[in-house]
Amino acid sequence: MEGPGETPLRKERLDRFLFFSRAVKSRTLAQKIIESGAIRVNSERTERTDHKVGAGDVLTMSLHNRIVVWRILDPGTRRGPANEAQGLYEDISPPPVPKAERSPYEAAIAERPPGAGRPTKKERRDTDRLSGDHED
């Protein structure tokens, strides 16, 4: 119980916090991510969008094909500018896996060397000129 002059720890719905912190673009998308089981609150999996979170809670999320770990500093009251949203959490995520340690599957979809994709319009015109298919 709070004494006089103390403010209660404010809690916010998990979907609203994800929206306020700009982790996702909409609350609907936040709800889908939570219901898919991609979020853990204090190491416990939750599929409830109305799960209450507050300062001190740790979120472990699978977002954008990487693991993100945030410690909540303030649950927020609105979706403000990006610098305000970054003040709602502390990012304690592990560093990304170096390219040398990735699985063979991830290596197979790695970056292509320059010039290995479809030709640009300019390259196509140059090729047409060389082959004589170009009309002047």
N, C-alpha and C. Protein backbone atom coordinates (compact mmCIF):
# COMPACT_ATOMS: atom_id res chain seq x y z
N MET A 1 0.84 -1.18 0.00
CA MET A 1 0.00 0.00 0.00
C MET A 1 0.88 1.24 0.00
N GLU A 2 0.48 2.25 -0.77
CA GLU A 2 1.27 3.47 -0.87
C GLU A 2 0.97 4.41 0.30
N GLY A 3 2.01 5.05 0.75
CA GLY A 3 1.84 6.05 1.79
C GLY A 3 1.51 7.39 1.16
N PRO A 4 1.30 8.42 2.00
CA PRO A 4 1.00 9.74 1.45
C PRO A 4 2.19 10.26 0.65
N GLY A 5 1.91 10.83 -0.52
CA GLY A 5 2.94 11.41 -1.37
C GLY A 5 3.58 10.40 -2.33
N GLU A 6 3.28 9.12 -2.18
CA GLU A 6 3.84 8.12 -3.09
C GLU A 6 2.85 7.88 -4.22
N THR A 7 3.37 7.71 -5.43
CA THR A 7 2.50 7.42 -6.56
C THR A 7 2.54 5.93 -6.83
N PRO A 8 1.42 5.34 -7.15
CA PRO A 8 1.41 3.91 -7.45
C PRO A 8 2.17 3.63 -8.74
N LEU A 9 2.76 2.44 -8.83
CA LEU A 9 3.44 2.06 -10.07
C LEU A 9 2.38 1.89 -11.15
N ARG A 10 2.54 2.66 -12.21
CA ARG A 10 1.58 2.62 -13.30
C ARG A 10 1.86 1.42 -14.19
N LYS A 11 0.82 0.76 -14.61
CA LYS A 11 0.93 -0.37 -15.52
C LYS A 11 0.14 -0.03 -16.78
N GLU A 12 0.56 -0.62 -17.89
CA GLU A 12 -0.09 -0.38 -19.17
C GLU A 12 -0.29 -1.72 -19.88
N ARG A 13 -1.30 -1.80 -20.73
CA ARG A 13 -1.52 -3.01 -21.52
C ARG A 13 -0.30 -3.24 -22.40
N LEU A 14 0.06 -4.49 -22.61
CA LEU A 14 1.24 -4.84 -23.40
C LEU A 14 1.12 -4.34 -24.84
N ASP A 15 -0.06 -4.49 -25.46
CA ASP A 15 -0.21 -4.03 -26.84
C ASP A 15 -0.06 -2.52 -26.95
N ARG A 16 -0.55 -1.80 -25.96
CA ARG A 16 -0.40 -0.34 -25.98
C ARG A 16 1.05 0.07 -25.76
N PHE A 17 1.77 -0.64 -24.87
CA PHE A 17 3.18 -0.31 -24.66
C PHE A 17 3.98 -0.51 -25.95
N LEU A 18 3.75 -1.62 -26.64
CA LEU A 18 4.48 -1.86 -27.89
C LEU A 18 4.19 -0.77 -28.92
N PHE A 19 2.96 -0.29 -28.94
CA PHE A 19 2.58 0.80 -29.84
C PHE A 19 3.23 2.11 -29.41
N PHE A 20 3.16 2.44 -28.11
CA PHE A 20 3.74 3.68 -27.60
C PHE A 20 5.26 3.72 -27.80
N SER A 21 5.93 2.57 -27.66
CA SER A 21 7.39 2.51 -27.76
C SER A 21 7.86 2.41 -29.20
N ARG A 22 6.93 2.39 -30.14
CA ARG A 22 7.22 2.32 -31.57
C ARG A 22 7.91 1.01 -31.97
N ALA A 23 7.68 -0.05 -31.22
CA ALA A 23 8.19 -1.36 -31.61
C ALA A 23 7.40 -1.87 -32.82
N VAL A 24 6.13 -1.47 -32.91
CA VAL A 24 5.26 -1.86 -34.03
C VAL A 24 4.50 -0.62 -34.50
N LYS A 25 3.95 -0.70 -35.71
CA LYS A 25 3.29 0.46 -36.30
C LYS A 25 1.85 0.67 -35.84
N SER A 26 1.20 -0.41 -35.37
CA SER A 26 -0.20 -0.26 -34.97
C SER A 26 -0.50 -1.21 -33.80
N ARG A 27 -1.58 -0.91 -33.10
CA ARG A 27 -1.98 -1.79 -32.00
C ARG A 27 -2.48 -3.11 -32.54
N THR A 28 -3.10 -3.11 -33.70
CA THR A 28 -3.58 -4.35 -34.30
C THR A 28 -2.41 -5.28 -34.59
N LEU A 29 -1.32 -4.73 -35.13
CA LEU A 29 -0.13 -5.52 -35.39
C LEU A 29 0.48 -6.01 -34.07
N ALA A 30 0.48 -5.17 -33.06
CA ALA A 30 0.98 -5.57 -31.74
C ALA A 30 0.16 -6.75 -31.21
N GLN A 31 -1.15 -6.69 -31.35
CA GLN A 31 -2.01 -7.76 -30.87
C GLN A 31 -1.71 -9.07 -31.60
N LYS A 32 -1.48 -9.01 -32.91
CA LYS A 32 -1.17 -10.22 -33.68
C LYS A 32 0.16 -10.83 -33.23
N ILE A 33 1.15 -9.99 -32.98
CA ILE A 33 2.46 -10.48 -32.54
C ILE A 33 2.35 -11.14 -31.17
N ILE A 34 1.62 -10.50 -30.26
CA ILE A 34 1.45 -11.04 -28.91
C ILE A 34 0.71 -12.38 -28.97
N GLU A 35 -0.38 -12.43 -29.73
CA GLU A 35 -1.18 -13.66 -29.82
C GLU A 35 -0.43 -14.80 -30.49
N SER A 36 0.60 -14.47 -31.30
CA SER A 36 1.39 -15.52 -31.94
C SER A 36 2.39 -16.14 -30.96
N GLY A 37 2.56 -15.53 -29.78
CA GLY A 37 3.46 -16.06 -28.77
C GLY A 37 4.90 -15.59 -28.92
N ALA A 38 5.13 -14.51 -29.66
CA ALA A 38 6.49 -14.01 -29.92
C ALA A 38 7.01 -13.11 -28.81
N ILE A 39 6.23 -12.90 -27.73
CA ILE A 39 6.62 -11.99 -26.66
C ILE A 39 6.67 -12.74 -25.34
N ARG A 40 7.72 -12.49 -24.57
CA ARG A 40 7.83 -13.00 -23.20
C ARG A 40 7.95 -11.81 -22.26
N VAL A 41 7.22 -11.87 -21.16
CA VAL A 41 7.30 -10.83 -20.13
C VAL A 41 7.93 -11.48 -18.92
N ASN A 42 9.10 -10.97 -18.50
CA ASN A 42 9.85 -11.53 -17.37
C ASN A 42 10.04 -13.05 -17.55
N SER A 43 10.47 -13.45 -18.73
CA SER A 43 10.79 -14.83 -19.10
C SER A 43 9.58 -15.75 -19.20
N GLU A 44 8.37 -15.23 -19.09
CA GLU A 44 7.18 -16.06 -19.20
C GLU A 44 6.41 -15.67 -20.45
N ARG A 45 6.12 -16.68 -21.28
CA ARG A 45 5.41 -16.44 -22.53
C ARG A 45 3.99 -15.98 -22.24
N THR A 46 3.55 -14.97 -22.99
CA THR A 46 2.17 -14.51 -22.85
C THR A 46 1.54 -14.37 -24.22
N GLU A 47 0.26 -14.70 -24.30
CA GLU A 47 -0.50 -14.52 -25.52
C GLU A 47 -1.69 -13.60 -25.27
N ARG A 48 -1.66 -12.93 -24.11
CA ARG A 48 -2.75 -12.01 -23.73
C ARG A 48 -2.34 -10.58 -24.06
N THR A 49 -3.11 -9.93 -24.90
CA THR A 49 -2.80 -8.55 -25.28
C THR A 49 -3.04 -7.57 -24.13
N ASP A 50 -3.88 -7.97 -23.16
CA ASP A 50 -4.18 -7.08 -22.05
C ASP A 50 -3.27 -7.33 -20.84
N HIS A 51 -2.19 -8.09 -21.03
CA HIS A 51 -1.23 -8.33 -19.96
C HIS A 51 -0.65 -6.98 -19.52
N LYS A 52 -0.66 -6.71 -18.23
CA LYS A 52 -0.19 -5.41 -17.73
C LYS A 52 1.33 -5.43 -17.53
N VAL A 53 2.00 -4.41 -18.05
CA VAL A 53 3.45 -4.27 -17.89
C VAL A 53 3.74 -2.89 -17.31
N GLY A 54 4.85 -2.80 -16.58
CA GLY A 54 5.23 -1.54 -15.97
C GLY A 54 6.74 -1.45 -15.84
N ALA A 55 7.19 -0.39 -15.18
CA ALA A 55 8.62 -0.16 -14.99
C ALA A 55 9.26 -1.36 -14.31
N GLY A 56 10.41 -1.80 -14.84
CA GLY A 56 11.13 -2.93 -14.27
C GLY A 56 10.88 -4.25 -14.98
N ASP A 57 9.78 -4.36 -15.72
CA ASP A 57 9.52 -5.60 -16.45
C ASP A 57 10.49 -5.73 -17.62
N VAL A 58 10.83 -6.96 -17.97
CA VAL A 58 11.74 -7.23 -19.09
C VAL A 58 10.96 -7.95 -20.18
N LEU A 59 10.98 -7.39 -21.40
CA LEU A 59 10.31 -7.99 -22.55
C LEU A 59 11.34 -8.64 -23.44
N THR A 60 11.10 -9.87 -23.83
CA THR A 60 11.93 -10.57 -24.80
C THR A 60 11.04 -10.82 -26.01
N MET A 61 11.42 -10.25 -27.15
CA MET A 61 10.55 -10.29 -28.33
C MET A 61 11.32 -10.79 -29.54
N SER A 62 10.62 -11.45 -30.42
CA SER A 62 11.16 -11.83 -31.71
C SER A 62 10.54 -10.88 -32.72
N LEU A 63 11.29 -9.82 -33.07
CA LEU A 63 10.81 -8.81 -34.00
C LEU A 63 11.79 -8.65 -35.15
N HIS A 64 11.28 -8.58 -36.36
CA HIS A 64 12.12 -8.31 -37.53
C HIS A 64 13.27 -9.30 -37.66
N ASN A 65 12.99 -10.57 -37.41
CA ASN A 65 13.96 -11.66 -37.54
C ASN A 65 15.16 -11.53 -36.62
N ARG A 66 14.99 -10.93 -35.47
CA ARG A 66 16.04 -10.89 -34.46
C ARG A 66 15.41 -10.86 -33.07
N ILE A 67 16.20 -11.22 -32.08
CA ILE A 67 15.73 -11.23 -30.69
C ILE A 67 16.01 -9.86 -30.09
N VAL A 68 14.97 -9.26 -29.52
CA VAL A 68 15.08 -7.94 -28.90
C VAL A 68 14.71 -8.08 -27.43
N VAL A 69 15.55 -7.53 -26.55
CA VAL A 69 15.28 -7.58 -25.11
C VAL A 69 15.25 -6.15 -24.59
N TRP A 70 14.13 -5.76 -23.99
CA TRP A 70 13.95 -4.41 -23.45
C TRP A 70 13.60 -4.48 -21.98
N ARG A 71 14.18 -3.57 -21.19
CA ARG A 71 13.76 -3.36 -19.80
C ARG A 71 12.90 -2.11 -19.83
N ILE A 72 11.67 -2.21 -19.35
CA ILE A 72 10.74 -1.08 -19.37
C ILE A 72 11.13 -0.10 -18.27
N LEU A 73 11.30 1.17 -18.66
CA LEU A 73 11.60 2.24 -17.70
C LEU A 73 10.33 2.99 -17.33
N ASP A 74 9.42 3.16 -18.31
CA ASP A 74 8.17 3.88 -18.10
C ASP A 74 7.15 3.31 -19.09
N PRO A 75 5.94 2.97 -18.66
CA PRO A 75 4.97 2.38 -19.58
C PRO A 75 4.42 3.36 -20.62
N GLY A 76 4.60 4.66 -20.40
CA GLY A 76 4.15 5.64 -21.38
C GLY A 76 2.67 5.96 -21.26
N THR A 77 2.30 7.08 -21.87
CA THR A 77 0.90 7.50 -21.86
C THR A 77 0.40 7.83 -23.26
N ARG A 78 1.33 7.92 -24.23
CA ARG A 78 0.93 8.25 -25.60
C ARG A 78 2.00 7.79 -26.57
N ARG A 79 1.66 7.76 -27.85
CA ARG A 79 2.64 7.46 -28.90
C ARG A 79 3.22 8.79 -29.35
N GLY A 80 4.34 9.15 -28.78
CA GLY A 80 4.97 10.41 -29.09
C GLY A 80 6.05 10.27 -30.13
N PRO A 81 6.92 11.28 -30.26
CA PRO A 81 8.01 11.21 -31.21
C PRO A 81 9.01 10.10 -30.84
N ALA A 82 9.86 9.74 -31.79
CA ALA A 82 10.79 8.62 -31.61
C ALA A 82 11.70 8.80 -30.40
N ASN A 83 12.22 10.02 -30.18
CA ASN A 83 13.13 10.21 -29.04
C ASN A 83 12.39 10.05 -27.71
N GLU A 84 11.12 10.39 -27.67
CA GLU A 84 10.31 10.16 -26.46
C GLU A 84 10.06 8.66 -26.27
N ALA A 85 9.78 7.96 -27.38
CA ALA A 85 9.52 6.52 -27.32
C ALA A 85 10.76 5.76 -26.84
N GLN A 86 11.96 6.18 -27.25
CA GLN A 86 13.18 5.50 -26.84
C GLN A 86 13.45 5.66 -25.35
N GLY A 87 12.87 6.66 -24.73
CA GLY A 87 13.02 6.86 -23.29
C GLY A 87 12.14 5.94 -22.45
N LEU A 88 11.26 5.18 -23.10
CA LEU A 88 10.36 4.29 -22.37
C LEU A 88 11.02 2.97 -22.00
N TYR A 89 12.16 2.64 -22.65
CA TYR A 89 12.79 1.35 -22.43
C TYR A 89 14.30 1.46 -22.52
N GLU A 90 14.98 0.45 -21.98
CA GLU A 90 16.42 0.31 -22.12
C GLU A 90 16.65 -0.95 -22.94
N ASP A 91 17.38 -0.82 -24.04
CA ASP A 91 17.64 -1.96 -24.92
C ASP A 91 18.80 -2.76 -24.37
N ILE A 92 18.52 -3.99 -23.93
CA ILE A 92 19.57 -4.86 -23.38
C ILE A 92 19.70 -6.12 -24.25
N SER A 93 19.45 -5.96 -25.56
CA SER A 93 19.50 -7.08 -26.50
C SER A 93 20.92 -7.61 -26.66
N PRO A 94 21.05 -8.91 -26.92
CA PRO A 94 22.38 -9.46 -27.20
C PRO A 94 22.84 -8.94 -28.56
N PRO A 95 24.17 -8.89 -28.78
CA PRO A 95 24.66 -8.42 -30.08
C PRO A 95 24.25 -9.40 -31.18
N PRO A 96 24.09 -8.92 -32.42
CA PRO A 96 23.70 -9.84 -33.50
C PRO A 96 24.80 -10.86 -33.77
N VAL A 97 24.40 -12.01 -34.31
CA VAL A 97 25.34 -13.09 -34.61
C VAL A 97 26.23 -12.66 -35.78
N PRO A 98 27.57 -12.79 -35.64
CA PRO A 98 28.46 -12.44 -36.76
C PRO A 98 28.17 -13.29 -37.99
N LYS A 99 28.43 -12.74 -39.18
CA LYS A 99 28.14 -13.45 -40.42
C LYS A 99 28.84 -14.79 -40.51
N ALA A 100 30.06 -14.89 -39.97
CA ALA A 100 30.82 -16.14 -40.05
C ALA A 100 30.15 -17.28 -39.28
N GLU A 101 29.33 -16.97 -38.27
CA GLU A 101 28.71 -18.00 -37.43
C GLU A 101 27.27 -18.32 -37.82
N ARG A 102 26.79 -17.76 -38.92
CA ARG A 102 25.41 -18.02 -39.33
C ARG A 102 25.26 -19.42 -39.89
N SER A 103 24.01 -19.88 -39.90
CA SER A 103 23.73 -21.22 -40.41
C SER A 103 23.91 -21.25 -41.93
N PRO A 104 24.06 -22.43 -42.53
CA PRO A 104 24.21 -22.52 -43.99
C PRO A 104 23.01 -21.94 -44.73
N TYR A 105 21.81 -22.08 -44.14
CA TYR A 105 20.62 -21.52 -44.78
C TYR A 105 20.72 -20.01 -44.87
N GLU A 106 21.14 -19.36 -43.78
CA GLU A 106 21.27 -17.90 -43.80
C GLU A 106 22.36 -17.47 -44.77
N ALA A 107 23.42 -18.28 -44.91
CA ALA A 107 24.49 -17.94 -45.84
C ALA A 107 24.00 -18.04 -47.28
N ALA A 108 23.05 -18.95 -47.54
CA ALA A 108 22.54 -19.13 -48.90
C ALA A 108 21.74 -17.93 -49.37
N ILE A 109 21.17 -17.16 -48.46
CA ILE A 109 20.39 -16.00 -48.85
C ILE A 109 21.15 -14.71 -48.57
N ALA A 110 22.47 -14.80 -48.61
CA ALA A 110 23.31 -13.65 -48.32
C ALA A 110 23.26 -12.64 -49.47
N GLU A 111 23.96 -11.55 -49.30
CA GLU A 111 23.98 -10.48 -50.29
C GLU A 111 24.60 -10.96 -51.59
N ARG A 112 24.10 -10.42 -52.71
CA ARG A 112 24.66 -10.73 -54.02
C ARG A 112 25.78 -9.75 -54.34
N PRO A 113 26.76 -10.18 -55.10
CA PRO A 113 27.79 -9.23 -55.51
C PRO A 113 27.20 -8.19 -56.46
N PRO A 114 27.78 -6.99 -56.52
CA PRO A 114 27.25 -5.95 -57.41
C PRO A 114 27.22 -6.44 -58.86
N GLY A 115 26.12 -6.13 -59.56
CA GLY A 115 25.99 -6.51 -60.95
C GLY A 115 25.45 -7.90 -61.18
N ALA A 116 25.11 -8.64 -60.12
CA ALA A 116 24.65 -10.02 -60.28
C ALA A 116 23.13 -10.11 -60.43
N GLY A 117 22.42 -9.02 -60.29
CA GLY A 117 20.96 -9.05 -60.38
C GLY A 117 20.47 -8.64 -61.75
N ARG A 118 19.24 -8.20 -61.83
CA ARG A 118 18.67 -7.74 -63.09
C ARG A 118 19.42 -6.51 -63.57
N PRO A 119 19.55 -6.35 -64.88
CA PRO A 119 20.24 -5.17 -65.38
C PRO A 119 19.40 -3.91 -65.17
N THR A 120 20.09 -2.80 -65.00
CA THR A 120 19.39 -1.52 -64.91
C THR A 120 18.96 -1.11 -66.31
N LYS A 121 18.15 -0.07 -66.41
CA LYS A 121 17.72 0.41 -67.73
C LYS A 121 18.91 0.79 -68.59
N LYS A 122 19.88 1.48 -67.99
CA LYS A 122 21.07 1.91 -68.73
C LYS A 122 21.84 0.69 -69.24
N GLU A 123 22.03 -0.32 -68.36
CA GLU A 123 22.75 -1.52 -68.78
C GLU A 123 21.99 -2.24 -69.89
N ARG A 124 20.68 -2.25 -69.84
CA ARG A 124 19.88 -2.90 -70.87
C ARG A 124 20.01 -2.17 -72.20
N ARG A 125 20.00 -0.83 -72.18
CA ARG A 125 20.17 -0.06 -73.42
C ARG A 125 21.55 -0.31 -74.02
N ASP A 126 22.58 -0.36 -73.16
CA ASP A 126 23.94 -0.63 -73.65
C ASP A 126 24.02 -2.02 -74.29
N THR A 127 23.39 -3.00 -73.69
CA THR A 127 23.38 -4.36 -74.23
C THR A 127 22.66 -4.39 -75.58
N ASP A 128 21.52 -3.69 -75.67
CA ASP A 128 20.77 -3.63 -76.92
C ASP A 128 21.59 -2.99 -78.03
N ARG A 129 22.35 -1.93 -77.71
CA ARG A 129 23.20 -1.28 -78.70
C ARG A 129 24.27 -2.23 -79.22
N LEU A 130 24.86 -3.00 -78.32
CA LEU A 130 25.91 -3.93 -78.73
C LEU A 130 25.38 -5.05 -79.61
N SER A 131 24.18 -5.51 -79.33
CA SER A 131 23.62 -6.62 -80.11
C SER A 131 22.93 -6.16 -81.38
N GLY A 132 22.80 -4.85 -81.60
CA GLY A 132 22.19 -4.32 -82.79
C GLY A 132 20.68 -4.27 -82.75
N ASP A 133 20.08 -4.50 -81.60
CA ASP A 133 18.61 -4.47 -81.47
C ASP A 133 18.08 -3.06 -81.24
N HIS A 134 18.96 -2.09 -81.16
CA HIS A 134 18.55 -0.72 -80.82
C HIS A 134 18.17 0.03 -82.09
N GLU A 135 17.04 0.70 -82.05
CA GLU A 135 16.60 1.52 -83.19
C GLU A 135 16.99 2.96 -82.93
N ASP A 136 17.58 3.63 -83.94
CA ASP A 136 17.94 5.05 -83.79
C ASP A 136 16.93 5.95 -84.38
